[in-house]
Amino acid sequence: MDGHNIMLHRRLGWLGAGIATIMVPLGIAATVMAVARGSVAGIFPLGFFLAMDILGILGFAALTFAAIRLRHRAGWHKRLMLCGTVLVIAPGIGRLVGPLPLGILTPFALFAAIMLYILVGIFFDLIVLRRIHRAYWWGAGTVALLQLLTGPIGFSPPVVAFAEQLAP
């Protein structure tokens, strides 16, 4: 990559950082408003949906912030950006996986689809670097932790009550 492309990437990166900063509160507000409008498809219970989307947005924020802080370490930067980005595309993947007749396995299928993106990066590292970059342990670990927390938080009485209060 020549110097011009690196400079362009840096300029666009700061624009992207600004957009990411705006995405976090707007994403949380959009999730809450979707529940309040009754426009949640019904694939997941409302509390679970709230927890899944909000934790995904917060995970995106954390991983993206870490990637920006580590922007001078290219290996860390690009891998953490991938892991953060996977969290914000999760709702789109959920719309693809949700209608499948999977029943209670739907959240696991969604998690598998999300992790597939990260696994492709890990396999690439194994082939090219012959090792897994440590950034993937942090990124994939964060994604997995958030997925594990979604159920207990989404089905907790305060979150369920809040979601039911929001719903029309």
Protein backbone atom coordinates (compact mmCIF):
# COMPACT_ATOMS: atom_id res chain seq x y z
CA MET A 1 0.00 0.00 0.00
CA ASP A 2 1.49 3.33 -0.97
CA GLY A 3 1.60 6.37 1.29
CA HIS A 4 -1.36 8.02 -0.43
CA ASN A 5 -3.70 5.14 0.41
CA ILE A 6 -2.54 5.13 4.02
CA MET A 7 -3.26 8.86 4.32
CA LEU A 8 -6.69 8.38 2.75
CA HIS A 9 -7.39 5.51 5.15
CA ARG A 10 -6.42 7.71 8.11
CA ARG A 11 -8.65 10.57 6.96
CA LEU A 12 -11.59 8.28 6.31
CA GLY A 13 -10.85 6.48 9.58
CA TRP A 14 -11.40 9.65 11.59
CA LEU A 15 -14.64 10.25 9.71
CA GLY A 16 -15.61 6.66 10.53
CA ALA A 17 -14.72 7.20 14.19
CA GLY A 18 -17.06 10.17 14.26
CA ILE A 19 -19.84 8.15 12.66
CA ALA A 20 -19.24 5.29 15.13
CA THR A 21 -19.50 7.74 18.02
CA ILE A 22 -22.88 8.90 16.74
CA MET A 23 -24.03 5.33 15.99
CA VAL A 24 -23.85 4.21 19.60
CA PRO A 25 -26.50 6.48 21.17
CA LEU A 26 -28.60 6.45 17.98
CA GLY A 27 -28.45 2.65 17.84
CA ILE A 28 -29.61 2.32 21.43
CA ALA A 29 -32.38 4.87 20.85
CA ALA A 30 -33.46 3.08 17.65
CA THR A 31 -33.63 -0.25 19.48
CA VAL A 32 -35.76 1.20 22.27
CA MET A 33 -38.02 3.00 19.75
CA ALA A 34 -38.42 -0.18 17.68
CA VAL A 35 -39.76 -1.97 20.73
CA ALA A 36 -41.97 1.01 21.65
CA ARG A 37 -43.40 1.15 18.08
CA GLY A 38 -44.06 -2.56 18.05
CA SER A 39 -41.90 -3.05 14.99
CA VAL A 40 -39.86 -5.93 16.41
CA ALA A 41 -40.55 -8.98 14.25
CA GLY A 42 -41.31 -11.34 17.14
CA ILE A 43 -38.43 -13.70 16.47
CA PHE A 44 -37.06 -13.09 19.96
CA PRO A 45 -38.83 -12.12 23.18
CA LEU A 46 -38.72 -8.35 23.69
CA GLY A 47 -36.35 -8.38 26.68
CA PHE A 48 -33.97 -10.68 24.84
CA PHE A 49 -34.15 -8.45 21.75
CA LEU A 50 -33.38 -5.34 23.83
CA ALA A 51 -30.44 -7.01 25.57
CA MET A 52 -29.06 -8.52 22.36
CA ASP A 53 -29.14 -5.27 20.39
CA ILE A 54 -27.95 -2.98 23.17
CA LEU A 55 -25.13 -5.31 24.23
CA GLY A 56 -24.12 -5.60 20.58
CA ILE A 57 -23.97 -1.82 20.23
CA LEU A 58 -21.96 -1.46 23.44
CA GLY A 59 -19.61 -4.25 22.35
CA PHE A 60 -19.19 -2.52 18.99
CA ALA A 61 -18.32 0.69 20.85
CA ALA A 62 -15.78 -1.03 23.11
CA LEU A 63 -14.04 -2.98 20.34
CA THR A 64 -14.04 -0.02 17.94
CA PHE A 65 -12.65 2.31 20.62
CA ALA A 66 -9.92 -0.24 21.40
CA ALA A 67 -9.14 -0.56 17.67
CA ILE A 68 -8.86 3.22 17.34
CA ARG A 69 -6.57 3.39 20.37
CA LEU A 70 -4.42 0.66 18.78
CA ARG A 71 -4.48 2.18 15.28
CA HIS A 72 -0.66 2.30 15.18
CA ARG A 73 -0.55 -1.47 15.63
CA ALA A 74 -2.09 -2.60 12.34
CA GLY A 75 -2.56 -6.25 13.36
CA TRP A 76 -4.59 -5.32 16.41
CA HIS A 77 -6.43 -2.47 14.70
CA LYS A 78 -7.85 -4.40 11.77
CA ARG A 79 -8.78 -7.49 13.76
CA LEU A 80 -10.57 -5.55 16.49
CA MET A 81 -12.38 -3.51 13.84
CA LEU A 82 -13.59 -6.74 12.24
CA CYS A 83 -14.86 -8.07 15.57
CA GLY A 84 -16.60 -4.78 16.38
CA THR A 85 -18.20 -4.58 12.95
CA VAL A 86 -19.55 -8.10 13.27
CA LEU A 87 -21.54 -6.96 16.29
CA VAL A 88 -23.36 -4.22 14.38
CA ILE A 89 -24.23 -6.49 11.47
CA ALA A 90 -25.75 -9.02 13.90
CA PRO A 91 -29.29 -7.57 13.62
CA GLY A 92 -29.15 -8.00 9.84
CA ILE A 93 -27.94 -11.56 10.26
CA GLY A 94 -30.72 -12.09 12.79
CA ARG A 95 -33.28 -11.09 10.17
CA LEU A 96 -31.86 -13.78 7.87
CA VAL A 97 -31.53 -16.50 10.51
CA GLY A 98 -34.69 -15.62 12.46
CA PRO A 99 -37.30 -16.84 9.97
CA LEU A 100 -35.65 -20.26 9.71
CA PRO A 101 -37.62 -22.96 11.59
CA LEU A 102 -34.98 -23.39 14.31
CA GLY A 103 -37.10 -22.72 17.39
CA ILE A 104 -35.03 -22.35 20.54
CA LEU A 105 -31.84 -22.91 18.52
CA THR A 106 -32.26 -19.55 16.73
CA PRO A 107 -29.98 -17.60 19.14
CA PHE A 108 -27.29 -20.26 18.72
CA ALA A 109 -27.58 -20.08 14.93
CA LEU A 110 -27.24 -16.31 15.12
CA PHE A 111 -24.15 -16.65 17.31
CA ALA A 112 -22.65 -19.21 14.90
CA ALA A 113 -23.29 -16.92 11.93
CA ILE A 114 -21.64 -13.98 13.73
CA MET A 115 -18.65 -16.04 14.78
CA LEU A 116 -18.23 -17.39 11.24
CA TYR A 117 -16.91 -13.98 10.16
CA ILE A 118 -14.33 -14.02 12.93
CA LEU A 119 -13.42 -17.65 12.24
CA VAL A 120 -12.63 -16.78 8.62
CA GLY A 121 -10.15 -14.18 9.92
CA ILE A 122 -8.70 -16.69 12.37
CA PHE A 123 -8.24 -19.29 9.62
CA PHE A 124 -6.60 -16.66 7.43
CA ASP A 125 -4.15 -15.93 10.26
CA LEU A 126 -3.45 -19.63 10.72
CA ILE A 127 -2.65 -20.00 7.03
CA VAL A 128 -0.65 -16.80 6.59
CA LEU A 129 0.88 -16.19 10.04
CA ARG A 130 0.73 -19.82 11.23
CA ARG A 131 -0.74 -18.56 14.50
CA ILE A 132 -3.83 -16.81 15.79
CA HIS A 133 -3.24 -13.12 16.47
CA ARG A 134 -3.98 -12.20 20.10
CA ALA A 135 -6.47 -9.55 18.98
CA TYR A 136 -8.83 -12.34 17.94
CA TRP A 137 -8.78 -13.79 21.45
CA TRP A 138 -9.92 -10.41 22.77
CA GLY A 139 -12.38 -9.71 19.97
CA ALA A 140 -13.91 -13.17 19.74
CA GLY A 141 -13.89 -13.42 23.52
CA THR A 142 -15.82 -10.16 23.78
CA VAL A 143 -18.36 -11.30 21.18
CA ALA A 144 -18.80 -14.65 22.93
CA LEU A 145 -19.13 -13.03 26.37
CA LEU A 146 -21.80 -10.65 25.11
CA GLN A 147 -23.70 -13.54 23.56
CA LEU A 148 -23.52 -15.46 26.85
CA LEU A 149 -24.77 -12.43 28.80
CA THR A 150 -27.69 -11.76 26.44
CA GLY A 151 -29.91 -14.53 27.84
CA PRO A 152 -29.48 -13.82 31.55
CA ILE A 153 -29.85 -10.06 31.01
CA GLY A 154 -32.63 -10.32 28.42
CA PHE A 155 -34.74 -12.63 30.58
CA SER A 156 -34.05 -10.80 33.85
CA PRO A 157 -37.20 -9.42 35.49
CA PRO A 158 -36.15 -5.73 35.26
CA VAL A 159 -35.36 -5.96 31.52
CA VAL A 160 -38.52 -7.96 30.77
CA ALA A 161 -40.60 -5.43 32.74
CA PHE A 162 -38.94 -2.52 30.92
CA ALA A 163 -39.54 -4.14 27.53
CA GLU A 164 -43.18 -4.86 28.35
CA GLN A 165 -43.63 -1.29 29.56
CA LEU A 166 -42.20 0.00 26.26
CA ALA A 167 -44.28 -2.29 24.05
CA PRO A 168 -47.55 -0.91 22.67
